[in-house]
Amino acid sequence: MPPVRIGSYPSRLEAEMAQGLLRSAGVSAWLVADDAGGAYPFQLSGGVQLMVDEADQQRAEDVLGAE
């Protein structure tokens, strides 16, 4: 199944916190960030994207919606 973006966060810390919530619920998630290896701030690069497999999208939305 293709990956889907489940959220976009302004900082890596916020994205990692959401990723931790998903992982604690048994949902595999990963981060995608295009900050040129730290050369650009996340605000200029579109933030940090939190991704899940399409099959886990509904569960991930449920978990993050309960924050």
Protein backbone atom coordinates (compact mmCIF):
# COMPACT_ATOMS: atom_id res chain seq x y z
CA MET A 1 0.00 0.00 0.00
CA PRO A 2 1.29 3.48 -0.73
CA PRO A 3 2.24 5.81 2.10
CA VAL A 4 -0.04 8.71 3.03
CA ARG A 5 0.69 11.90 4.92
CA ILE A 6 -1.11 11.86 8.24
CA GLY A 7 0.17 15.20 9.50
CA SER A 8 2.55 18.10 8.98
CA TYR A 9 4.41 19.66 11.91
CA PRO A 10 6.50 22.82 12.23
CA SER A 11 9.27 21.08 14.22
CA ARG A 12 10.89 17.67 14.37
CA LEU A 13 10.09 17.41 18.08
CA GLU A 14 6.34 17.80 17.50
CA ALA A 15 6.43 15.27 14.68
CA GLU A 16 8.36 12.78 16.82
CA MET A 17 5.82 13.13 19.62
CA ALA A 18 2.98 12.29 17.23
CA GLN A 19 5.04 9.44 15.79
CA GLY A 20 5.54 8.08 19.31
CA LEU A 21 1.79 8.14 19.94
CA LEU A 22 1.20 6.16 16.77
CA ARG A 23 3.92 3.65 17.55
CA SER A 24 2.54 3.12 21.07
CA ALA A 25 -0.79 2.27 19.41
CA GLY A 26 0.92 -0.24 17.11
CA VAL A 27 0.88 1.95 13.99
CA SER A 28 4.12 2.09 12.03
CA ALA A 29 4.97 5.69 11.11
CA TRP A 30 7.96 7.56 9.76
CA LEU A 31 9.05 11.15 9.25
CA VAL A 32 9.90 12.93 6.02
CA ALA A 33 11.68 16.28 6.19
CA ASP A 34 13.36 18.20 3.40
CA ASP A 35 15.43 20.70 5.33
CA ALA A 36 18.57 20.19 3.21
CA GLY A 37 20.35 18.42 6.04
CA GLY A 38 19.58 21.22 8.46
CA ALA A 39 20.60 24.04 6.11
CA TYR A 40 17.03 25.37 5.90
CA PRO A 41 14.60 25.83 8.76
CA PHE A 42 11.52 23.63 8.62
CA GLN A 43 9.32 26.70 8.13
CA LEU A 44 10.87 27.20 4.69
CA SER A 45 10.82 23.55 3.70
CA GLY A 46 7.18 22.68 4.38
CA GLY A 47 7.68 21.27 7.85
CA VAL A 48 8.08 17.68 8.92
CA GLN A 49 5.64 15.23 7.35
CA LEU A 50 4.37 12.25 9.34
CA MET A 51 3.67 9.28 7.08
CA VAL A 52 1.83 5.97 7.53
CA ASP A 53 0.85 3.13 5.23
CA GLU A 54 -2.50 3.73 3.57
CA ALA A 55 -3.91 0.67 5.36
CA ASP A 56 -3.19 2.35 8.72
CA GLN A 57 -4.58 5.77 7.83
CA GLN A 58 -7.92 5.50 9.65
CA ARG A 59 -6.35 4.07 12.80
CA ALA A 60 -3.67 6.78 12.78
CA GLU A 61 -6.29 9.50 12.38
CA ASP A 62 -8.24 8.02 15.29
CA VAL A 63 -5.14 7.92 17.52
CA LEU A 64 -4.02 11.45 16.67
CA GLY A 65 -7.55 12.78 16.87
CA ALA A 66 -7.73 11.62 20.48
CA GLU A 67 -4.78 13.83 21.53
